[in-house]
Amino acid sequence: MADIVRDDDVIEIAGPPRFAFGERVIARSVVRNDGTYGGKDIGDVLVNRGDIGYVVSINTFLQQFYIYAVDFVDTGCRVGMRAKELCTLDNLPEEVLAQLGEKAGALADLGSGKSQEQGARP
């Protein structure tokens, strides 16, 4: 166990967490079971890129990283993820929202359980 490889020289926990409890986030990459998720085989996909979830707890790992427990409601998986694997949907910078223009309004419905078709009905 002494050979744990730390893939970053940055100590994330020296600053505040990037995400808050209840914040809507989107997965930036596919996450597979490494053997720590019960009831699924090793290598099974737990989260797909683009899946939307909510931060339900924040912990630390190796006294270096924040680990965000994210509840992906559509799939029923609750997975621990690093900040680099997630992107916020609730607190995008103003310049990003400006670039999105009218499409920024559609972000409010993502992950809310409403399909975009339902929102378009009178």
C-alpha atoms as a PDB file:
ATOM      1  CA  MET A   1       0.000   0.000   0.000  1.00  0.00           C
ATOM      2  CA  ALA A   2       2.963   2.317   0.249  1.00  0.00           C
ATOM      3  CA  ASP A   3       2.974   2.639  -3.543  1.00  0.00           C
ATOM      4  CA  ILE A   4      -0.158   4.789  -3.835  1.00  0.00           C
ATOM      5  CA  VAL A   5       0.329   7.023  -6.842  1.00  0.00           C
ATOM      6  CA  ARG A   6      -0.869  10.575  -6.445  1.00  0.00           C
ATOM      7  CA  ASP A   7      -1.703  11.847  -9.905  1.00  0.00           C
ATOM      8  CA  ASP A   8      -1.575  15.502  -8.915  1.00  0.00           C
ATOM      9  CA  ASP A   9       0.843  17.736  -7.070  1.00  0.00           C
ATOM     10  CA  VAL A  10      -1.994  20.103  -6.182  1.00  0.00           C
ATOM     11  CA  ILE A  11      -3.529  19.867  -2.717  1.00  0.00           C
ATOM     12  CA  GLU A  12      -7.202  20.565  -3.491  1.00  0.00           C
ATOM     13  CA  ILE A  13      -8.246  20.624   0.146  1.00  0.00           C
ATOM     14  CA  ALA A  14      -6.084  23.698   0.753  1.00  0.00           C
ATOM     15  CA  GLY A  15      -8.961  25.673  -0.794  1.00  0.00           C
ATOM     16  CA  PRO A  16     -12.735  25.453  -0.595  1.00  0.00           C
ATOM     17  CA  PRO A  17     -14.631  22.697  -2.449  1.00  0.00           C
ATOM     18  CA  ARG A  18     -15.442  23.538  -6.071  1.00  0.00           C
ATOM     19  CA  PHE A  19     -19.042  22.302  -5.759  1.00  0.00           C
ATOM     20  CA  ALA A  20     -21.674  22.740  -3.039  1.00  0.00           C
ATOM     21  CA  PHE A  21     -24.269  20.391  -1.560  1.00  0.00           C
ATOM     22  CA  GLY A  22     -27.257  20.058  -3.870  1.00  0.00           C
ATOM     23  CA  GLU A  23     -25.443  21.547  -6.845  1.00  0.00           C
ATOM     24  CA  ARG A  24     -26.363  20.133 -10.265  1.00  0.00           C
ATOM     25  CA  VAL A  25     -23.336  18.718 -12.048  1.00  0.00           C
ATOM     26  CA  ILE A  26     -22.701  16.883 -15.300  1.00  0.00           C
ATOM     27  CA  ALA A  27     -20.205  14.053 -15.805  1.00  0.00           C
ATOM     28  CA  ARG A  28     -17.312  14.948 -18.087  1.00  0.00           C
ATOM     29  CA  SER A  29     -16.295  11.346 -18.662  1.00  0.00           C
ATOM     30  CA  VAL A  30     -17.439   7.742 -18.405  1.00  0.00           C
ATOM     31  CA  VAL A  31     -16.979   6.201 -14.945  1.00  0.00           C
ATOM     32  CA  ARG A  32     -16.593   2.425 -14.639  1.00  0.00           C
ATOM     33  CA  ASN A  33     -16.769   0.252 -11.548  1.00  0.00           C
ATOM     34  CA  ASP A  34     -13.291  -0.307 -10.150  1.00  0.00           C
ATOM     35  CA  GLY A  35     -14.620  -2.943  -7.781  1.00  0.00           C
ATOM     36  CA  THR A  36     -15.759  -0.579  -5.034  1.00  0.00           C
ATOM     37  CA  TYR A  37     -19.372  -0.285  -6.223  1.00  0.00           C
ATOM     38  CA  GLY A  38     -21.431  -3.182  -4.867  1.00  0.00           C
ATOM     39  CA  GLY A  39     -23.863  -5.071  -7.082  1.00  0.00           C
ATOM     40  CA  LYS A  40     -22.068  -4.294 -10.340  1.00  0.00           C
ATOM     41  CA  ASP A  41     -19.261  -6.155 -12.060  1.00  0.00           C
ATOM     42  CA  ILE A  42     -15.804  -4.630 -12.348  1.00  0.00           C
ATOM     43  CA  GLY A  43     -15.681  -2.610 -15.544  1.00  0.00           C
ATOM     44  CA  ASP A  44     -19.439  -1.991 -15.712  1.00  0.00           C
ATOM     45  CA  VAL A  45     -20.340   1.570 -16.676  1.00  0.00           C
ATOM     46  CA  LEU A  46     -21.768   3.459 -13.697  1.00  0.00           C
ATOM     47  CA  VAL A  47     -21.937   6.935 -15.224  1.00  0.00           C
ATOM     48  CA  ASN A  48     -21.873   8.034 -18.849  1.00  0.00           C
ATOM     49  CA  ARG A  49     -20.445  11.275 -20.120  1.00  0.00           C
ATOM     50  CA  GLY A  50     -23.251  13.850 -19.976  1.00  0.00           C
ATOM     51  CA  ASP A  51     -25.184  12.205 -17.123  1.00  0.00           C
ATOM     52  CA  ILE A  52     -26.606  14.788 -14.722  1.00  0.00           C
ATOM     53  CA  GLY A  53     -26.510  14.405 -10.960  1.00  0.00           C
ATOM     54  CA  TYR A  54     -26.599  16.274  -7.673  1.00  0.00           C
ATOM     55  CA  VAL A  55     -23.798  16.604  -5.105  1.00  0.00           C
ATOM     56  CA  VAL A  56     -25.038  14.876  -1.940  1.00  0.00           C
ATOM     57  CA  SER A  57     -21.851  14.859   0.160  1.00  0.00           C
ATOM     58  CA  ILE A  58     -18.269  16.069   0.093  1.00  0.00           C
ATOM     59  CA  ASN A  59     -15.368  14.106   1.569  1.00  0.00           C
ATOM     60  CA  THR A  60     -11.612  13.950   1.120  1.00  0.00           C
ATOM     61  CA  PHE A  61      -9.209  11.315  -0.157  1.00  0.00           C
ATOM     62  CA  LEU A  62      -5.499  10.949   0.643  1.00  0.00           C
ATOM     63  CA  GLN A  63      -5.608  14.301   2.476  1.00  0.00           C
ATOM     64  CA  GLN A  64      -5.303  15.843  -0.968  1.00  0.00           C
ATOM     65  CA  PHE A  65      -8.504  15.657  -3.014  1.00  0.00           C
ATOM     66  CA  TYR A  66     -12.169  16.438  -2.526  1.00  0.00           C
ATOM     67  CA  ILE A  67     -14.421  13.534  -3.436  1.00  0.00           C
ATOM     68  CA  TYR A  68     -17.965  14.516  -4.336  1.00  0.00           C
ATOM     69  CA  ALA A  69     -20.673  11.897  -3.833  1.00  0.00           C
ATOM     70  CA  VAL A  70     -22.959  12.536  -6.785  1.00  0.00           C
ATOM     71  CA  ASP A  71     -26.440  11.055  -7.003  1.00  0.00           C
ATOM     72  CA  PHE A  72     -27.276  10.378 -10.645  1.00  0.00           C
ATOM     73  CA  VAL A  73     -31.050  10.235 -10.324  1.00  0.00           C
ATOM     74  CA  ASP A  74     -31.813   8.859 -13.798  1.00  0.00           C
ATOM     75  CA  THR A  75     -29.553   5.833 -13.336  1.00  0.00           C
ATOM     76  CA  GLY A  76     -29.937   5.384  -9.573  1.00  0.00           C
ATOM     77  CA  CYS A  77     -26.173   5.393  -9.018  1.00  0.00           C
ATOM     78  CA  ARG A  78     -24.428   7.348  -6.294  1.00  0.00           C
ATOM     79  CA  VAL A  79     -20.775   7.639  -7.236  1.00  0.00           C
ATOM     80  CA  GLY A  80     -17.723   9.342  -5.722  1.00  0.00           C
ATOM     81  CA  MET A  81     -16.059  11.632  -8.240  1.00  0.00           C
ATOM     82  CA  ARG A  82     -13.244  14.150  -8.410  1.00  0.00           C
ATOM     83  CA  ALA A  83     -13.811  17.762  -9.442  1.00  0.00           C
ATOM     84  CA  LYS A  84     -11.947  17.225 -12.721  1.00  0.00           C
ATOM     85  CA  GLU A  85     -14.586  14.622 -13.674  1.00  0.00           C
ATOM     86  CA  LEU A  86     -17.492  17.057 -13.179  1.00  0.00           C
ATOM     87  CA  CYS A  87     -18.790  20.374 -14.482  1.00  0.00           C
ATOM     88  CA  THR A  88     -21.361  22.587 -12.771  1.00  0.00           C
ATOM     89  CA  LEU A  89     -24.709  23.359 -14.343  1.00  0.00           C
ATOM     90  CA  ASP A  90     -25.832  25.772 -11.634  1.00  0.00           C
ATOM     91  CA  ASN A  91     -22.904  28.187 -11.361  1.00  0.00           C
ATOM     92  CA  LEU A  92     -21.562  28.731 -14.864  1.00  0.00           C
ATOM     93  CA  PRO A  93     -19.478  31.888 -15.309  1.00  0.00           C
ATOM     94  CA  GLU A  94     -21.259  34.851 -16.913  1.00  0.00           C
ATOM     95  CA  GLU A  95     -18.996  34.716 -19.998  1.00  0.00           C
ATOM     96  CA  VAL A  96     -20.047  31.089 -20.632  1.00  0.00           C
ATOM     97  CA  LEU A  97     -23.730  31.977 -20.260  1.00  0.00           C
ATOM     98  CA  ALA A  98     -23.217  34.886 -22.661  1.00  0.00           C
ATOM     99  CA  GLN A  99     -21.677  32.561 -25.257  1.00  0.00           C
ATOM    100  CA  LEU A 100     -24.600  30.155 -24.898  1.00  0.00           C
ATOM    101  CA  GLY A 101     -27.067  32.971 -25.537  1.00  0.00           C
ATOM    102  CA  GLU A 102     -30.671  31.750 -25.723  1.00  0.00           C
ATOM    103  CA  LYS A 103     -29.571  28.147 -25.141  1.00  0.00           C
ATOM    104  CA  ALA A 104     -28.594  29.075 -21.569  1.00  0.00           C
ATOM    105  CA  GLY A 105     -32.291  29.068 -20.639  1.00  0.00           C
ATOM    106  CA  ALA A 106     -32.509  25.347 -21.445  1.00  0.00           C
ATOM    107  CA  LEU A 107     -29.980  24.611 -18.691  1.00  0.00           C
ATOM    108  CA  ALA A 108     -32.620  25.241 -16.025  1.00  0.00           C
ATOM    109  CA  ASP A 109     -34.600  22.156 -17.075  1.00  0.00           C
ATOM    110  CA  LEU A 110     -31.635  19.778 -17.387  1.00  0.00           C
ATOM    111  CA  GLY A 111     -31.755  17.222 -14.610  1.00  0.00           C
ATOM    112  CA  SER A 112     -35.052  18.532 -13.278  1.00  0.00           C
ATOM    113  CA  GLY A 113     -37.056  15.531 -14.462  1.00  0.00           C
ATOM    114  CA  LYS A 114     -38.811  17.619 -17.135  1.00  0.00           C
ATOM    115  CA  SER A 115     -38.061  16.662 -20.693  1.00  0.00           C
ATOM    116  CA  GLN A 116     -37.556  19.535 -23.087  1.00  0.00           C
ATOM    117  CA  GLU A 117     -40.632  18.339 -24.990  1.00  0.00           C
ATOM    118  CA  GLN A 118     -42.781  18.677 -21.845  1.00  0.00           C
ATOM    119  CA  GLY A 119     -41.528  22.205 -21.334  1.00  0.00           C
ATOM    120  CA  ALA A 120     -42.534  23.106 -24.909  1.00  0.00           C
ATOM    121  CA  ARG A 121     -46.164  22.000 -24.526  1.00  0.00           C
ATOM    122  CA  PRO A 122     -48.790  24.684 -23.833  1.00  0.00           C
END
